[in-house]
Amino acid sequence: MNIDKELDTRGLNCPLPILKAKKALTEMGSGQLLKVVSTDAGSTRDFQAFAKQTGNELIEQQTVGADFIHVLKRR
């Protein structure tokens, strides 16, 4: 997977990871991939809802240790 941009939102709680992802996506081109690393346990559910609402595609979600990793594809 070729990630175009990565955001480290560790230590930030909802809604900050979503807001930072939203801002980053507006600066990206269609089809580009954004990887967001978060420590907020609620971010898994939040990014699922965010993708549904915005039309951006949620490609992957995984948990690695204390990190929740989300990969979004810009619509």
N, C-alpha and C. Protein backbone atom coordinates (compact mmCIF):
# COMPACT_ATOMS: atom_id res chain seq x y z
N MET A 1 0.85 -1.18 0.00
CA MET A 1 0.00 0.00 0.00
C MET A 1 0.89 1.24 0.00
N ASN A 2 0.61 2.15 -0.89
CA ASN A 2 1.42 3.35 -1.04
C ASN A 2 0.73 4.53 -0.34
N ILE A 3 1.18 4.86 0.86
CA ILE A 3 0.57 5.94 1.65
C ILE A 3 1.11 7.27 1.16
N ASP A 4 0.21 8.22 0.87
CA ASP A 4 0.62 9.53 0.38
C ASP A 4 0.90 10.51 1.51
N LYS A 5 0.18 10.35 2.63
CA LYS A 5 0.36 11.26 3.76
C LYS A 5 0.04 10.50 5.05
N GLU A 6 0.79 10.80 6.11
CA GLU A 6 0.56 10.14 7.39
C GLU A 6 0.38 11.19 8.48
N LEU A 7 -0.63 10.95 9.32
CA LEU A 7 -0.91 11.84 10.46
C LEU A 7 -0.71 11.08 11.76
N ASP A 8 0.02 11.68 12.68
CA ASP A 8 0.19 11.09 14.00
C ASP A 8 -0.70 11.88 14.97
N THR A 9 -1.80 11.26 15.39
CA THR A 9 -2.73 11.94 16.31
C THR A 9 -2.72 11.25 17.67
N ARG A 10 -1.62 10.57 17.99
CA ARG A 10 -1.51 9.90 19.29
C ARG A 10 -1.65 10.92 20.41
N GLY A 11 -2.42 10.54 21.44
CA GLY A 11 -2.61 11.43 22.59
C GLY A 11 -3.77 12.40 22.44
N LEU A 12 -4.33 12.49 21.23
CA LEU A 12 -5.46 13.38 20.99
C LEU A 12 -6.77 12.59 21.10
N ASN A 13 -7.77 13.20 21.70
CA ASN A 13 -9.07 12.54 21.82
C ASN A 13 -10.06 13.15 20.85
N CYS A 14 -11.14 12.42 20.62
CA CYS A 14 -12.23 12.84 19.74
C CYS A 14 -12.64 14.26 20.10
N PRO A 15 -12.87 15.13 19.16
CA PRO A 15 -12.92 14.92 17.71
C PRO A 15 -11.63 15.30 16.98
N LEU A 16 -10.54 15.55 17.71
CA LEU A 16 -9.32 16.05 17.07
C LEU A 16 -8.74 15.14 15.98
N PRO A 17 -8.65 13.82 16.16
CA PRO A 17 -8.14 13.00 15.05
C PRO A 17 -8.97 13.14 13.77
N ILE A 18 -10.28 13.22 13.92
CA ILE A 18 -11.17 13.38 12.75
C ILE A 18 -10.96 14.76 12.11
N LEU A 19 -10.89 15.79 12.93
CA LEU A 19 -10.71 17.15 12.39
C LEU A 19 -9.39 17.28 11.64
N LYS A 20 -8.33 16.71 12.19
CA LYS A 20 -7.03 16.76 11.52
C LYS A 20 -7.05 15.95 10.22
N ALA A 21 -7.73 14.82 10.24
CA ALA A 21 -7.85 14.00 9.02
C ALA A 21 -8.64 14.75 7.95
N LYS A 22 -9.72 15.39 8.37
CA LYS A 22 -10.55 16.15 7.43
C LYS A 22 -9.74 17.25 6.75
N LYS A 23 -8.94 17.96 7.54
CA LYS A 23 -8.10 19.04 7.00
C LYS A 23 -7.06 18.47 6.03
N ALA A 24 -6.43 17.37 6.43
CA ALA A 24 -5.41 16.75 5.58
C ALA A 24 -6.01 16.27 4.25
N LEU A 25 -7.19 15.69 4.31
CA LEU A 25 -7.84 15.18 3.09
C LEU A 25 -8.16 16.30 2.10
N THR A 26 -8.51 17.48 2.61
CA THR A 26 -8.82 18.59 1.70
C THR A 26 -7.60 19.05 0.93
N GLU A 27 -6.40 18.76 1.47
CA GLU A 27 -5.16 19.17 0.81
C GLU A 27 -4.62 18.08 -0.12
N MET A 28 -5.34 16.95 -0.22
CA MET A 28 -4.88 15.82 -1.02
C MET A 28 -5.70 15.68 -2.29
N GLY A 29 -5.13 14.97 -3.25
CA GLY A 29 -5.82 14.73 -4.50
C GLY A 29 -6.69 13.49 -4.44
N SER A 30 -7.63 13.39 -5.35
CA SER A 30 -8.53 12.26 -5.42
C SER A 30 -7.75 10.95 -5.60
N GLY A 31 -8.10 9.94 -4.80
CA GLY A 31 -7.45 8.64 -4.90
C GLY A 31 -6.22 8.49 -4.02
N GLN A 32 -5.76 9.58 -3.42
CA GLN A 32 -4.59 9.48 -2.55
C GLN A 32 -4.96 8.87 -1.20
N LEU A 33 -3.98 8.25 -0.54
CA LEU A 33 -4.21 7.55 0.72
C LEU A 33 -3.66 8.33 1.90
N LEU A 34 -4.47 8.41 2.94
CA LEU A 34 -4.09 9.06 4.20
C LEU A 34 -4.09 8.01 5.31
N LYS A 35 -2.98 7.92 6.03
CA LYS A 35 -2.87 7.02 7.17
C LYS A 35 -2.92 7.85 8.44
N VAL A 36 -3.83 7.49 9.35
CA VAL A 36 -3.97 8.19 10.63
C VAL A 36 -3.68 7.21 11.75
N VAL A 37 -2.74 7.60 12.63
CA VAL A 37 -2.40 6.77 13.79
C VAL A 37 -2.94 7.47 15.02
N SER A 38 -3.76 6.77 15.80
CA SER A 38 -4.44 7.35 16.95
C SER A 38 -4.32 6.43 18.16
N THR A 39 -4.45 7.00 19.35
CA THR A 39 -4.50 6.19 20.56
C THR A 39 -5.89 6.24 21.18
N ASP A 40 -6.82 6.93 20.53
CA ASP A 40 -8.19 7.06 21.01
C ASP A 40 -8.98 5.81 20.62
N ALA A 41 -9.40 5.04 21.62
CA ALA A 41 -10.14 3.79 21.36
C ALA A 41 -11.42 4.02 20.57
N GLY A 42 -12.04 5.18 20.70
CA GLY A 42 -13.26 5.49 19.97
C GLY A 42 -13.02 5.85 18.52
N SER A 43 -11.76 6.00 18.13
CA SER A 43 -11.46 6.44 16.77
C SER A 43 -11.88 5.42 15.72
N THR A 44 -11.91 4.14 16.07
CA THR A 44 -12.33 3.12 15.11
C THR A 44 -13.75 3.39 14.64
N ARG A 45 -14.63 3.58 15.59
CA ARG A 45 -16.03 3.88 15.28
C ARG A 45 -16.16 5.25 14.61
N ASP A 46 -15.40 6.22 15.10
CA ASP A 46 -15.46 7.58 14.56
C ASP A 46 -15.06 7.62 13.09
N PHE A 47 -13.98 6.91 12.73
CA PHE A 47 -13.53 6.94 11.34
C PHE A 47 -14.49 6.19 10.41
N GLN A 48 -15.16 5.16 10.93
CA GLN A 48 -16.17 4.48 10.13
C GLN A 48 -17.31 5.43 9.79
N ALA A 49 -17.78 6.18 10.79
CA ALA A 49 -18.86 7.15 10.58
C ALA A 49 -18.40 8.29 9.67
N PHE A 50 -17.17 8.76 9.88
CA PHE A 50 -16.62 9.85 9.08
C PHE A 50 -16.57 9.46 7.60
N ALA A 51 -16.11 8.25 7.32
CA ALA A 51 -16.02 7.80 5.92
C ALA A 51 -17.39 7.73 5.28
N LYS A 52 -18.36 7.23 6.03
CA LYS A 52 -19.73 7.12 5.52
C LYS A 52 -20.30 8.51 5.21
N GLN A 53 -20.07 9.45 6.10
CA GLN A 53 -20.63 10.80 5.95
C GLN A 53 -19.97 11.61 4.84
N THR A 54 -18.66 11.40 4.63
CA THR A 54 -17.93 12.25 3.69
C THR A 54 -17.75 11.63 2.31
N GLY A 55 -17.98 10.31 2.19
CA GLY A 55 -17.79 9.66 0.90
C GLY A 55 -16.36 9.23 0.65
N ASN A 56 -15.46 9.50 1.60
CA ASN A 56 -14.09 8.99 1.49
C ASN A 56 -14.13 7.51 1.87
N GLU A 57 -13.26 6.72 1.25
CA GLU A 57 -13.29 5.27 1.46
C GLU A 57 -12.34 4.87 2.59
N LEU A 58 -12.87 4.11 3.55
CA LEU A 58 -12.06 3.58 4.63
C LEU A 58 -11.46 2.26 4.13
N ILE A 59 -10.18 2.28 3.79
CA ILE A 59 -9.51 1.14 3.19
C ILE A 59 -9.16 0.08 4.22
N GLU A 60 -8.66 0.52 5.38
CA GLU A 60 -8.16 -0.43 6.36
C GLU A 60 -8.21 0.17 7.76
N GLN A 61 -8.47 -0.69 8.75
CA GLN A 61 -8.36 -0.32 10.16
C GLN A 61 -7.68 -1.47 10.87
N GLN A 62 -6.72 -1.14 11.72
CA GLN A 62 -6.07 -2.19 12.50
C GLN A 62 -5.58 -1.62 13.82
N THR A 63 -5.39 -2.52 14.77
CA THR A 63 -4.87 -2.15 16.08
C THR A 63 -3.49 -2.78 16.22
N VAL A 64 -2.50 -1.94 16.53
CA VAL A 64 -1.14 -2.41 16.73
C VAL A 64 -0.69 -1.89 18.09
N GLY A 65 -0.66 -2.78 19.07
CA GLY A 65 -0.34 -2.35 20.43
C GLY A 65 -1.41 -1.39 20.92
N ALA A 66 -0.99 -0.20 21.32
CA ALA A 66 -1.92 0.83 21.81
C ALA A 66 -2.40 1.74 20.69
N ASP A 67 -1.92 1.51 19.47
CA ASP A 67 -2.25 2.38 18.34
C ASP A 67 -3.40 1.82 17.50
N PHE A 68 -4.25 2.72 17.08
CA PHE A 68 -5.34 2.40 16.15
C PHE A 68 -4.97 3.06 14.83
N ILE A 69 -4.87 2.25 13.78
CA ILE A 69 -4.41 2.76 12.49
C ILE A 69 -5.57 2.72 11.49
N HIS A 70 -5.76 3.85 10.83
CA HIS A 70 -6.85 4.02 9.87
C HIS A 70 -6.25 4.49 8.55
N VAL A 71 -6.66 3.86 7.45
CA VAL A 71 -6.23 4.30 6.13
C VAL A 71 -7.46 4.70 5.33
N LEU A 72 -7.45 5.96 4.89
CA LEU A 72 -8.57 6.51 4.13
C LEU A 72 -8.13 6.83 2.71
N LYS A 73 -9.02 6.61 1.77
CA LYS A 73 -8.77 6.98 0.37
C LYS A 73 -9.62 8.19 0.04
N ARG A 74 -8.95 9.25 -0.40
CA ARG A 74 -9.64 10.51 -0.75
C ARG A 74 -10.57 10.28 -1.92
N ARG A 75 -11.81 10.77 -1.78
CA ARG A 75 -12.78 10.59 -2.87
C ARG A 75 -12.47 11.51 -4.03
